[in-house]
């Protein structure tokens, strides 16, 4: 991954963010350490997690991913070399964005991550029961205390994002510098339009999640094939749509032209979109990493972008 770093607020991040949702879920600690080592050895520095990962797994409580990452940071002694993003508001014991919830949650995340600061702290889901001032003031307090360097928003409407940015500017508080939208070749309307327009107008960097549509855009899901994966059911749903099949065909065409994997092309398409700083993709094993890392070095031509745009429309 030789591409230059991207800017998210005051942070300099690699053009592929490594998703940590699999750590402590489908990847145990040893596998997770191997993936993290390989990602950073290839030049990656941007690791994404959340306090809720992976509470949906029977026997897990949430915080498993942060714990794995914290153990890795402690064992490698490389905290200053990586940008750690985590999220607040969805942990089973700490839902919502009241000031008290945020204050408690950040300290628990810091403890699990075994660090005294979080580089990028996202509100995981907007809490529309609150005025934006309550959580933005609480987040600003964390920045002033040195516990958080920058703040971001995930799963938020265009109107609430605009309102939040205006409030921060008016009150002189920490301002969202990153937006984490659901965005990929088979889910464009979840970001494009009003939300993307706010991000572009306000200079907010997009860091899309589900960048590979739960693995569908890797190309391993095809009509008539069965894949044993924790995410196969979700990915297989795209196979039942005309758009999904059109996108696979377009990915195959562009991938063949570059001698690349479909996943590489799908991530390169995302990276080429306005406002996108770094797509998020996860790898359960080291062998899954190379096609993800290769996206940073793949520049698609205008005809290739058009082909993919038309297929995914």
C-alpha atoms as a PDB file:
ATOM      1  CA  UNK A   1       0.000   0.000   0.000  1.00  0.00           C
ATOM      2  CA  UNK A   2       2.138   2.844  -1.309  1.00  0.00           C
ATOM      3  CA  UNK A   3      -0.552   5.501  -1.736  1.00  0.00           C
ATOM      4  CA  UNK A   4      -0.172   8.709   0.239  1.00  0.00           C
ATOM      5  CA  UNK A   5      -1.947   9.384   3.498  1.00  0.00           C
ATOM      6  CA  UNK A   6      -5.358  11.063   3.590  1.00  0.00           C
ATOM      7  CA  UNK A   7      -6.442  13.864   5.901  1.00  0.00           C
ATOM      8  CA  UNK A   8      -9.298  13.474   8.385  1.00  0.00           C
ATOM      9  CA  UNK A   9      -9.373  16.598  10.524  1.00  0.00           C
ATOM     10  CA  UNK A  10      -5.919  16.795  12.086  1.00  0.00           C
ATOM     11  CA  UNK A  11      -5.292  13.078  11.503  1.00  0.00           C
ATOM     12  CA  UNK A  12      -3.220  11.557   8.701  1.00  0.00           C
ATOM     13  CA  UNK A  13      -4.635   8.171   7.801  1.00  0.00           C
ATOM     14  CA  UNK A  14      -3.891   5.433   5.305  1.00  0.00           C
ATOM     15  CA  UNK A  15      -6.343   5.139   2.383  1.00  0.00           C
ATOM     16  CA  UNK A  16      -7.746   1.842   3.677  1.00  0.00           C
ATOM     17  CA  UNK A  17      -9.154   1.602   7.183  1.00  0.00           C
ATOM     18  CA  UNK A  18      -8.944  -1.855   8.747  1.00  0.00           C
ATOM     19  CA  UNK A  19     -12.289  -2.890  10.210  1.00  0.00           C
ATOM     20  CA  UNK A  20     -12.023  -4.394  13.673  1.00  0.00           C
ATOM     21  CA  UNK A  21     -15.513  -5.889  13.872  1.00  0.00           C
ATOM     22  CA  UNK A  22     -14.127  -9.414  13.289  1.00  0.00           C
ATOM     23  CA  UNK A  23     -11.616  -9.245  16.161  1.00  0.00           C
ATOM     24  CA  UNK A  24     -12.922 -11.377  19.013  1.00  0.00           C
ATOM     25  CA  UNK A  25     -15.716 -12.652  16.744  1.00  0.00           C
ATOM     26  CA  UNK A  26     -14.676 -14.639  13.675  1.00  0.00           C
ATOM     27  CA  UNK A  27     -10.976 -13.986  14.340  1.00  0.00           C
ATOM     28  CA  UNK A  28      -9.509 -15.030  17.680  1.00  0.00           C
ATOM     29  CA  UNK A  29      -6.747 -13.004  19.328  1.00  0.00           C
ATOM     30  CA  UNK A  30      -3.869 -14.767  17.572  1.00  0.00           C
ATOM     31  CA  UNK A  31      -5.507 -14.380  14.143  1.00  0.00           C
ATOM     32  CA  UNK A  32      -6.360 -10.771  14.926  1.00  0.00           C
ATOM     33  CA  UNK A  33      -2.771  -9.986  15.921  1.00  0.00           C
ATOM     34  CA  UNK A  34      -1.526 -11.534  12.673  1.00  0.00           C
ATOM     35  CA  UNK A  35      -3.933  -9.416  10.603  1.00  0.00           C
ATOM     36  CA  UNK A  36      -3.030  -6.251  12.505  1.00  0.00           C
ATOM     37  CA  UNK A  37       0.693  -6.973  12.089  1.00  0.00           C
ATOM     38  CA  UNK A  38       0.323  -7.584   8.354  1.00  0.00           C
ATOM     39  CA  UNK A  39      -1.807  -4.459   7.861  1.00  0.00           C
ATOM     40  CA  UNK A  40       0.659  -2.185   9.643  1.00  0.00           C
ATOM     41  CA  UNK A  41       3.654  -3.857   7.979  1.00  0.00           C
ATOM     42  CA  UNK A  42       2.066  -2.947   4.633  1.00  0.00           C
ATOM     43  CA  UNK A  43       1.855   0.700   5.670  1.00  0.00           C
ATOM     44  CA  UNK A  44      -1.656   0.781   7.154  1.00  0.00           C
ATOM     45  CA  UNK A  45      -2.286   2.921  10.219  1.00  0.00           C
ATOM     46  CA  UNK A  46      -6.078   3.424  10.486  1.00  0.00           C
ATOM     47  CA  UNK A  47      -7.935   0.892  12.663  1.00  0.00           C
ATOM     48  CA  UNK A  48     -11.695   1.077  13.158  1.00  0.00           C
ATOM     49  CA  UNK A  49     -13.648  -0.498  16.005  1.00  0.00           C
ATOM     50  CA  UNK A  50     -16.576   0.192  18.371  1.00  0.00           C
ATOM     51  CA  UNK A  51     -17.430  -0.472  21.994  1.00  0.00           C
ATOM     52  CA  UNK A  52     -20.329  -2.720  20.912  1.00  0.00           C
ATOM     53  CA  UNK A  53     -18.153  -5.127  18.856  1.00  0.00           C
ATOM     54  CA  UNK A  54     -19.087  -7.967  19.163  1.00  0.00           C
ATOM     55  CA  UNK A  55     -22.005  -8.036  21.588  1.00  0.00           C
ATOM     56  CA  UNK A  56     -24.198  -9.855  19.054  1.00  0.00           C
ATOM     57  CA  UNK A  57     -22.164 -13.050  19.479  1.00  0.00           C
ATOM     58  CA  UNK A  58     -23.526 -15.484  22.086  1.00  0.00           C
ATOM     59  CA  UNK A  59     -21.318 -15.277  25.157  1.00  0.00           C
ATOM     60  CA  UNK A  60     -19.864 -11.876  24.239  1.00  0.00           C
ATOM     61  CA  UNK A  61     -20.740  -8.662  26.078  1.00  0.00           C
ATOM     62  CA  UNK A  62     -19.310  -5.993  23.775  1.00  0.00           C
ATOM     63  CA  UNK A  63     -15.803  -4.595  23.996  1.00  0.00           C
ATOM     64  CA  UNK A  64     -14.133  -7.768  22.698  1.00  0.00           C
ATOM     65  CA  UNK A  65     -12.677  -6.025  19.652  1.00  0.00           C
ATOM     66  CA  UNK A  66     -11.321  -3.093  21.669  1.00  0.00           C
ATOM     67  CA  UNK A  67      -9.760  -5.552  24.113  1.00  0.00           C
ATOM     68  CA  UNK A  68      -7.970  -7.431  21.326  1.00  0.00           C
ATOM     69  CA  UNK A  69      -6.697  -4.174  19.817  1.00  0.00           C
ATOM     70  CA  UNK A  70      -5.599  -2.939  23.232  1.00  0.00           C
ATOM     71  CA  UNK A  71      -3.671  -6.131  23.896  1.00  0.00           C
ATOM     72  CA  UNK A  72      -2.037  -5.828  20.476  1.00  0.00           C
ATOM     73  CA  UNK A  73      -1.070  -2.176  21.062  1.00  0.00           C
ATOM     74  CA  UNK A  74       0.433  -3.080  24.442  1.00  0.00           C
ATOM     75  CA  UNK A  75       2.384  -6.040  23.078  1.00  0.00           C
ATOM     76  CA  UNK A  76       3.731  -4.128  20.049  1.00  0.00           C
ATOM     77  CA  UNK A  77       4.399  -0.804  21.756  1.00  0.00           C
ATOM     78  CA  UNK A  78       3.237   1.064  18.676  1.00  0.00           C
ATOM     79  CA  UNK A  79       0.425   3.272  19.950  1.00  0.00           C
ATOM     80  CA  UNK A  80       1.804   6.471  18.433  1.00  0.00           C
ATOM     81  CA  UNK A  81       2.132   4.838  15.006  1.00  0.00           C
ATOM     82  CA  UNK A  82      -1.569   4.044  14.539  1.00  0.00           C
ATOM     83  CA  UNK A  83      -4.821   5.974  14.366  1.00  0.00           C
ATOM     84  CA  UNK A  84      -7.501   4.293  16.478  1.00  0.00           C
ATOM     85  CA  UNK A  85     -11.161   5.021  15.791  1.00  0.00           C
ATOM     86  CA  UNK A  86     -13.895   3.699  18.051  1.00  0.00           C
ATOM     87  CA  UNK A  87     -17.555   4.486  18.666  1.00  0.00           C
ATOM     88  CA  UNK A  88     -20.015   5.229  21.456  1.00  0.00           C
ATOM     89  CA  UNK A  89     -23.733   4.748  21.833  1.00  0.00           C
ATOM     90  CA  UNK A  90     -24.542   1.164  20.868  1.00  0.00           C
ATOM     91  CA  UNK A  91     -23.011  -0.954  23.663  1.00  0.00           C
ATOM     92  CA  UNK A  92     -25.803  -2.987  25.341  1.00  0.00           C
ATOM     93  CA  UNK A  93     -25.044  -1.422  28.728  1.00  0.00           C
ATOM     94  CA  UNK A  94     -24.414   2.091  27.395  1.00  0.00           C
ATOM     95  CA  UNK A  95     -26.939   2.917  24.714  1.00  0.00           C
ATOM     96  CA  UNK A  96     -27.619   6.438  23.522  1.00  0.00           C
ATOM     97  CA  UNK A  97     -25.636   9.640  23.724  1.00  0.00           C
ATOM     98  CA  UNK A  98     -26.457  11.339  27.002  1.00  0.00           C
ATOM     99  CA  UNK A  99     -23.504  13.186  28.492  1.00  0.00           C
ATOM    100  CA  UNK A 100     -23.320  10.655  31.346  1.00  0.00           C
ATOM    101  CA  UNK A 101     -23.325   7.706  28.929  1.00  0.00           C
ATOM    102  CA  UNK A 102     -20.536   9.209  26.834  1.00  0.00           C
ATOM    103  CA  UNK A 103     -18.426   9.988  29.905  1.00  0.00           C
ATOM    104  CA  UNK A 104     -18.733   6.423  31.210  1.00  0.00           C
ATOM    105  CA  UNK A 105     -18.294   4.769  27.818  1.00  0.00           C
ATOM    106  CA  UNK A 106     -15.129   6.615  26.825  1.00  0.00           C
ATOM    107  CA  UNK A 107     -13.353   5.591  30.019  1.00  0.00           C
ATOM    108  CA  UNK A 108     -14.303   1.956  29.468  1.00  0.00           C
ATOM    109  CA  UNK A 109     -13.084   2.109  25.850  1.00  0.00           C
ATOM    110  CA  UNK A 110      -9.799   3.706  26.935  1.00  0.00           C
ATOM    111  CA  UNK A 111      -9.294   0.937  29.495  1.00  0.00           C
ATOM    112  CA  UNK A 112      -9.951  -1.830  26.986  1.00  0.00           C
ATOM    113  CA  UNK A 113      -7.761  -0.174  24.372  1.00  0.00           C
ATOM    114  CA  UNK A 114      -5.047   0.282  27.005  1.00  0.00           C
ATOM    115  CA  UNK A 115      -4.398   3.840  25.931  1.00  0.00           C
ATOM    116  CA  UNK A 116      -4.997   7.320  27.328  1.00  0.00           C
ATOM    117  CA  UNK A 117      -6.428   8.815  24.137  1.00  0.00           C
ATOM    118  CA  UNK A 118      -8.668   7.864  21.198  1.00  0.00           C
ATOM    119  CA  UNK A 119      -7.743   9.428  17.867  1.00  0.00           C
ATOM    120  CA  UNK A 120     -11.244   9.472  16.361  1.00  0.00           C
ATOM    121  CA  UNK A 121     -14.383   8.988  18.443  1.00  0.00           C
ATOM    122  CA  UNK A 122     -17.660   8.450  16.589  1.00  0.00           C
ATOM    123  CA  UNK A 123     -21.223   8.701  17.773  1.00  0.00           C
ATOM    124  CA  UNK A 124     -22.265   5.249  16.532  1.00  0.00           C
ATOM    125  CA  UNK A 125     -25.934   6.110  15.984  1.00  0.00           C
ATOM    126  CA  UNK A 126     -27.599   9.473  16.273  1.00  0.00           C
ATOM    127  CA  UNK A 127     -29.710   9.811  19.420  1.00  0.00           C
ATOM    128  CA  UNK A 128     -32.661  11.810  18.141  1.00  0.00           C
ATOM    129  CA  UNK A 129     -34.211  11.929  21.608  1.00  0.00           C
ATOM    130  CA  UNK A 130     -31.564  14.537  22.483  1.00  0.00           C
ATOM    131  CA  UNK A 131     -30.706  18.021  21.321  1.00  0.00           C
ATOM    132  CA  UNK A 132     -27.383  17.896  19.462  1.00  0.00           C
ATOM    133  CA  UNK A 133     -25.907  20.248  22.046  1.00  0.00           C
ATOM    134  CA  UNK A 134     -25.965  17.598  24.784  1.00  0.00           C
ATOM    135  CA  UNK A 135     -23.674  15.105  23.097  1.00  0.00           C
ATOM    136  CA  UNK A 136     -21.549  17.664  21.248  1.00  0.00           C
ATOM    137  CA  UNK A 137     -20.786  19.443  24.514  1.00  0.00           C
ATOM    138  CA  UNK A 138     -19.903  16.110  26.131  1.00  0.00           C
ATOM    139  CA  UNK A 139     -17.649  15.204  23.205  1.00  0.00           C
ATOM    140  CA  UNK A 140     -15.995  18.621  23.341  1.00  0.00           C
ATOM    141  CA  UNK A 141     -15.251  18.011  27.020  1.00  0.00           C
ATOM    142  CA  UNK A 142     -13.419  14.808  26.018  1.00  0.00           C
ATOM    143  CA  UNK A 143     -11.353  16.689  23.457  1.00  0.00           C
ATOM    144  CA  UNK A 144     -10.475  19.393  25.979  1.00  0.00           C
ATOM    145  CA  UNK A 145      -9.501  16.669  28.492  1.00  0.00           C
ATOM    146  CA  UNK A 146      -7.165  15.060  25.943  1.00  0.00           C
ATOM    147  CA  UNK A 147      -9.101  11.784  25.907  1.00  0.00           C
ATOM    148  CA  UNK A 148     -10.176  12.245  22.276  1.00  0.00           C
ATOM    149  CA  UNK A 149      -8.363  13.981  19.406  1.00  0.00           C
ATOM    150  CA  UNK A 150     -11.154  14.253  16.807  1.00  0.00           C
ATOM    151  CA  UNK A 151     -14.858  13.378  16.650  1.00  0.00           C
ATOM    152  CA  UNK A 152     -17.012  11.810  13.957  1.00  0.00           C
ATOM    153  CA  UNK A 153     -20.584  10.700  13.314  1.00  0.00           C
ATOM    154  CA  UNK A 154     -21.980   7.438  12.002  1.00  0.00           C
ATOM    155  CA  UNK A 155     -25.566   6.621  11.030  1.00  0.00           C
ATOM    156  CA  UNK A 156     -26.847  10.189  11.033  1.00  0.00           C
ATOM    157  CA  UNK A 157     -29.244  12.037   8.751  1.00  0.00           C
ATOM    158  CA  UNK A 158     -28.163  14.918   6.545  1.00  0.00           C
ATOM    159  CA  UNK A 159     -30.333  17.321   8.558  1.00  0.00           C
ATOM    160  CA  UNK A 160     -28.904  16.267  11.926  1.00  0.00           C
ATOM    161  CA  UNK A 161     -25.343  16.311  10.579  1.00  0.00           C
ATOM    162  CA  UNK A 162     -25.839  19.851   9.287  1.00  0.00           C
ATOM    163  CA  UNK A 163     -27.427  20.887  12.585  1.00  0.00           C
ATOM    164  CA  UNK A 164     -24.543  19.367  14.557  1.00  0.00           C
ATOM    165  CA  UNK A 165     -21.892  21.096  12.470  1.00  0.00           C
ATOM    166  CA  UNK A 166     -23.686  24.436  12.743  1.00  0.00           C
ATOM    167  CA  UNK A 167     -24.003  24.059  16.534  1.00  0.00           C
ATOM    168  CA  UNK A 168     -20.299  23.268  16.952  1.00  0.00           C
ATOM    169  CA  UNK A 169     -19.289  26.219  14.808  1.00  0.00           C
ATOM    170  CA  UNK A 170     -21.637  28.614  16.593  1.00  0.00           C
ATOM    171  CA  UNK A 171     -20.596  27.492  20.088  1.00  0.00           C
ATOM    172  CA  UNK A 172     -16.902  27.053  19.333  1.00  0.00           C
ATOM    173  CA  UNK A 173     -16.971  23.333  20.176  1.00  0.00           C
ATOM    174  CA  UNK A 174     -15.216  20.322  18.668  1.00  0.00           C
ATOM    175  CA  UNK A 175     -16.695  19.645  15.245  1.00  0.00           C
ATOM    176  CA  UNK A 176     -17.384  16.399  13.430  1.00  0.00           C
ATOM    177  CA  UNK A 177     -14.493  15.863  10.974  1.00  0.00           C
ATOM    178  CA  UNK A 178     -15.516  12.378   9.812  1.00  0.00           C
ATOM    179  CA  UNK A 179     -18.706  10.693   8.725  1.00  0.00           C
ATOM    180  CA  UNK A 180     -19.111   6.936   8.614  1.00  0.00           C
ATOM    181  CA  UNK A 181     -21.907   6.133   6.158  1.00  0.00           C
ATOM    182  CA  UNK A 182     -23.162   2.807   4.797  1.00  0.00           C
ATOM    183  CA  UNK A 183     -21.863   3.093   1.233  1.00  0.00           C
ATOM    184  CA  UNK A 184     -20.767   0.691  -1.481  1.00  0.00           C
ATOM    185  CA  UNK A 185     -21.470  -0.255  -5.102  1.00  0.00           C
ATOM    186  CA  UNK A 186     -24.749  -1.981  -4.239  1.00  0.00           C
ATOM    187  CA  UNK A 187     -25.829   0.612  -1.654  1.00  0.00           C
ATOM    188  CA  UNK A 188     -25.342   4.070  -3.083  1.00  0.00           C
ATOM    189  CA  UNK A 189     -28.503   5.824  -1.962  1.00  0.00           C
ATOM    190  CA  UNK A 190     -27.497   5.313   1.688  1.00  0.00           C
ATOM    191  CA  UNK A 191     -24.938   8.102   1.168  1.00  0.00           C
ATOM    192  CA  UNK A 192     -25.191   9.807  -2.200  1.00  0.00           C
ATOM    193  CA  UNK A 193     -27.484  12.822  -2.354  1.00  0.00           C
ATOM    194  CA  UNK A 194     -28.204  15.058   0.599  1.00  0.00           C
ATOM    195  CA  UNK A 195     -25.845  13.409   3.110  1.00  0.00           C
ATOM    196  CA  UNK A 196     -22.887  13.458   0.719  1.00  0.00           C
ATOM    197  CA  UNK A 197     -23.720  17.055  -0.166  1.00  0.00           C
ATOM    198  CA  UNK A 198     -23.480  18.131   3.476  1.00  0.00           C
ATOM    199  CA  UNK A 199     -20.153  16.311   3.839  1.00  0.00           C
ATOM    200  CA  UNK A 200     -18.779  17.974   0.698  1.00  0.00           C
ATOM    201  CA  UNK A 201     -19.993  21.441   1.654  1.00  0.00           C
ATOM    202  CA  UNK A 202     -18.682  21.209   5.224  1.00  0.00           C
ATOM    203  CA  UNK A 203     -15.383  19.463   4.493  1.00  0.00           C
ATOM    204  CA  UNK A 204     -16.276  16.295   6.392  1.00  0.00           C
ATOM    205  CA  UNK A 205     -14.321  13.178   5.352  1.00  0.00           C
ATOM    206  CA  UNK A 206     -16.345  10.056   4.591  1.00  0.00           C
ATOM    207  CA  UNK A 207     -15.077   6.705   5.911  1.00  0.00           C
ATOM    208  CA  UNK A 208     -17.622   4.236   4.503  1.00  0.00           C
ATOM    209  CA  UNK A 209     -18.548   1.028   6.285  1.00  0.00           C
ATOM    210  CA  UNK A 210     -19.887  -2.115   4.565  1.00  0.00           C
ATOM    211  CA  UNK A 211     -17.475  -1.115   1.805  1.00  0.00           C
ATOM    212  CA  UNK A 212     -17.602  -4.675   0.424  1.00  0.00           C
ATOM    213  CA  UNK A 213     -21.301  -5.277   1.183  1.00  0.00           C
ATOM    214  CA  UNK A 214     -20.665  -8.009   3.774  1.00  0.00           C
ATOM    215  CA  UNK A 215     -18.268  -9.717   1.355  1.00  0.00           C
ATOM    216  CA  UNK A 216     -20.547  -9.702  -1.693  1.00  0.00           C
ATOM    217  CA  UNK A 217     -18.226  -7.366  -3.603  1.00  0.00           C
ATOM    218  CA  UNK A 218     -15.278  -9.738  -3.163  1.00  0.00           C
ATOM    219  CA  UNK A 219     -16.851 -11.770  -5.951  1.00  0.00           C
ATOM    220  CA  UNK A 220     -16.849 -15.001  -3.962  1.00  0.00           C
ATOM    221  CA  UNK A 221     -20.657 -15.119  -3.935  1.00  0.00           C
ATOM    222  CA  UNK A 222     -21.958 -16.302  -7.304  1.00  0.00           C
ATOM    223  CA  UNK A 223     -25.224 -17.826  -8.496  1.00  0.00           C
ATOM    224  CA  UNK A 224     -25.279 -21.490  -7.529  1.00  0.00           C
ATOM    225  CA  UNK A 225     -22.398 -21.286  -5.034  1.00  0.00           C
ATOM    226  CA  UNK A 226     -22.600 -21.888  -1.304  1.00  0.00           C
ATOM    227  CA  UNK A 227     -20.202 -20.061   1.007  1.00  0.00           C
ATOM    228  CA  UNK A 228     -19.718 -20.966   4.655  1.00  0.00           C
ATOM    229  CA  UNK A 229     -19.327 -17.552   6.257  1.00  0.00           C
ATOM    230  CA  UNK A 230     -20.856 -15.713   9.199  1.00  0.00           C
ATOM    231  CA  UNK A 231     -21.973 -13.028   6.743  1.00  0.00           C
ATOM    232  CA  UNK A 232     -22.991 -15.203   3.779  1.00  0.00           C
ATOM    233  CA  UNK A 233     -26.736 -14.814   4.276  1.00  0.00           C
ATOM    234  CA  UNK A 234     -26.553 -11.030   4.063  1.00  0.00           C
ATOM    235  CA  UNK A 235     -24.196 -11.087   1.084  1.00  0.00           C
ATOM    236  CA  UNK A 236     -26.257 -13.667  -0.760  1.00  0.00           C
ATOM    237  CA  UNK A 237     -29.255 -11.334  -0.763  1.00  0.00           C
ATOM    238  CA  UNK A 238     -27.536  -9.160  -3.358  1.00  0.00           C
ATOM    239  CA  UNK A 239     -27.347 -12.138  -5.731  1.00  0.00           C
ATOM    240  CA  UNK A 240     -31.120 -12.075  -5.975  1.00  0.00           C
ATOM    241  CA  UNK A 241     -31.120  -8.583  -7.506  1.00  0.00           C
ATOM    242  CA  UNK A 242     -30.473  -7.468 -11.070  1.00  0.00           C
ATOM    243  CA  UNK A 243     -28.224  -4.724  -9.756  1.00  0.00           C
ATOM    244  CA  UNK A 244     -26.100  -7.215  -7.844  1.00  0.00           C
ATOM    245  CA  UNK A 245     -25.533  -9.324 -10.943  1.00  0.00           C
ATOM    246  CA  UNK A 246     -24.775  -6.241 -13.082  1.00  0.00           C
ATOM    247  CA  UNK A 247     -22.243  -5.035 -10.523  1.00  0.00           C
ATOM    248  CA  UNK A 248     -20.504  -8.422 -10.397  1.00  0.00           C
ATOM    249  CA  UNK A 249     -20.212  -8.439 -14.174  1.00  0.00           C
ATOM    250  CA  UNK A 250     -18.771  -4.909 -14.232  1.00  0.00           C
ATOM    251  CA  UNK A 251     -16.340  -5.743 -11.419  1.00  0.00           C
ATOM    252  CA  UNK A 252     -15.166  -8.826 -13.329  1.00  0.00           C
ATOM    253  CA  UNK A 253     -14.578  -6.728 -16.467  1.00  0.00           C
ATOM    254  CA  UNK A 254     -12.533  -4.064 -14.695  1.00  0.00           C
ATOM    255  CA  UNK A 255     -10.684  -6.593 -12.531  1.00  0.00           C
ATOM    256  CA  UNK A 256      -9.640  -8.559 -15.615  1.00  0.00           C
ATOM    257  CA  UNK A 257      -8.261  -5.410 -17.237  1.00  0.00           C
ATOM    258  CA  UNK A 258      -5.986  -4.786 -14.246  1.00  0.00           C
ATOM    259  CA  UNK A 259      -5.212  -8.341 -13.194  1.00  0.00           C
ATOM    260  CA  UNK A 260      -6.888  -7.447  -9.914  1.00  0.00           C
ATOM    261  CA  UNK A 261      -9.452  -8.946  -7.569  1.00  0.00           C
ATOM    262  CA  UNK A 262     -13.086  -7.723  -7.603  1.00  0.00           C
ATOM    263  CA  UNK A 263     -12.669  -6.543  -3.995  1.00  0.00           C
ATOM    264  CA  UNK A 264      -9.752  -4.352  -5.033  1.00  0.00           C
ATOM    265  CA  UNK A 265     -11.838  -2.739  -7.774  1.00  0.00           C
ATOM    266  CA  UNK A 266     -14.845  -2.215  -5.481  1.00  0.00           C
ATOM    267  CA  UNK A 267     -12.687  -0.431  -2.898  1.00  0.00           C
ATOM    268  CA  UNK A 268     -10.896   1.598  -5.581  1.00  0.00           C
ATOM    269  CA  UNK A 269     -14.296   2.753  -6.875  1.00  0.00           C
ATOM    270  CA  UNK A 270     -15.252   3.904  -3.376  1.00  0.00           C
ATOM    271  CA  UNK A 271     -11.938   5.666  -2.859  1.00  0.00           C
ATOM    272  CA  UNK A 272     -12.498   7.575  -6.109  1.00  0.00           C
ATOM    273  CA  UNK A 273     -15.822   9.034  -4.951  1.00  0.00           C
ATOM    274  CA  UNK A 274     -16.035  12.659  -3.782  1.00  0.00           C
ATOM    275  CA  UNK A 275     -15.496  13.166  -0.018  1.00  0.00           C
ATOM    276  CA  UNK A 276     -14.309   9.560   0.584  1.00  0.00           C
ATOM    277  CA  UNK A 277     -11.042   9.459   2.539  1.00  0.00           C
ATOM    278  CA  UNK A 278     -10.717   5.772   3.386  1.00  0.00           C
ATOM    279  CA  UNK A 279     -13.145   2.875   2.953  1.00  0.00           C
ATOM    280  CA  UNK A 280     -13.324   0.392   5.837  1.00  0.00           C
ATOM    281  CA  UNK A 281     -12.787  -3.295   5.110  1.00  0.00           C
ATOM    282  CA  UNK A 282     -12.118  -6.163   7.478  1.00  0.00           C
ATOM    283  CA  UNK A 283     -10.033  -9.290   7.120  1.00  0.00           C
ATOM    284  CA  UNK A 284     -10.468 -12.392   9.225  1.00  0.00           C
ATOM    285  CA  UNK A 285      -7.163 -13.896   8.042  1.00  0.00           C
ATOM    286  CA  UNK A 286      -3.901 -12.522   6.665  1.00  0.00           C
ATOM    287  CA  UNK A 287      -4.649 -14.155   3.307  1.00  0.00           C
ATOM    288  CA  UNK A 288      -7.719 -11.898   2.916  1.00  0.00           C
ATOM    289  CA  UNK A 289      -5.655  -8.713   3.250  1.00  0.00           C
ATOM    290  CA  UNK A 290      -3.731  -8.354  -0.061  1.00  0.00           C
ATOM    291  CA  UNK A 291      -6.725  -7.540  -2.300  1.00  0.00           C
ATOM    292  CA  UNK A 292      -7.861  -4.946   0.246  1.00  0.00           C
ATOM    293  CA  UNK A 293      -4.448  -3.301   0.509  1.00  0.00           C
ATOM    294  CA  UNK A 294      -4.041  -3.298  -3.277  1.00  0.00           C
ATOM    295  CA  UNK A 295      -6.968  -0.898  -3.691  1.00  0.00           C
ATOM    296  CA  UNK A 296      -4.822   2.035  -2.603  1.00  0.00           C
ATOM    297  CA  UNK A 297      -2.565   1.504  -5.618  1.00  0.00           C
ATOM    298  CA  UNK A 298      -5.304   0.985  -8.213  1.00  0.00           C
ATOM    299  CA  UNK A 299      -6.450   4.051 -10.141  1.00  0.00           C
ATOM    300  CA  UNK A 300      -9.535   3.403 -12.239  1.00  0.00           C
ATOM    301  CA  UNK A 301      -9.989   5.126 -15.595  1.00  0.00           C
ATOM    302  CA  UNK A 302     -12.976   7.358 -16.327  1.00  0.00           C
ATOM    303  CA  UNK A 303     -14.552   4.696 -18.615  1.00  0.00           C
ATOM    304  CA  UNK A 304     -14.117   2.100 -15.852  1.00  0.00           C
ATOM    305  CA  UNK A 305     -15.717   4.388 -13.276  1.00  0.00           C
ATOM    306  CA  UNK A 306     -18.585   5.027 -15.697  1.00  0.00           C
ATOM    307  CA  UNK A 307     -19.055   1.293 -16.277  1.00  0.00           C
ATOM    308  CA  UNK A 308     -19.283   0.693 -12.529  1.00  0.00           C
ATOM    309  CA  UNK A 309     -21.532   3.711 -11.980  1.00  0.00           C
ATOM    310  CA  UNK A 310     -23.945   2.556 -14.695  1.00  0.00           C
ATOM    311  CA  UNK A 311     -24.003  -1.041 -13.420  1.00  0.00           C
ATOM    312  CA  UNK A 312     -24.743   0.074  -9.873  1.00  0.00           C
ATOM    313  CA  UNK A 313     -27.319   2.712 -10.698  1.00  0.00           C
END
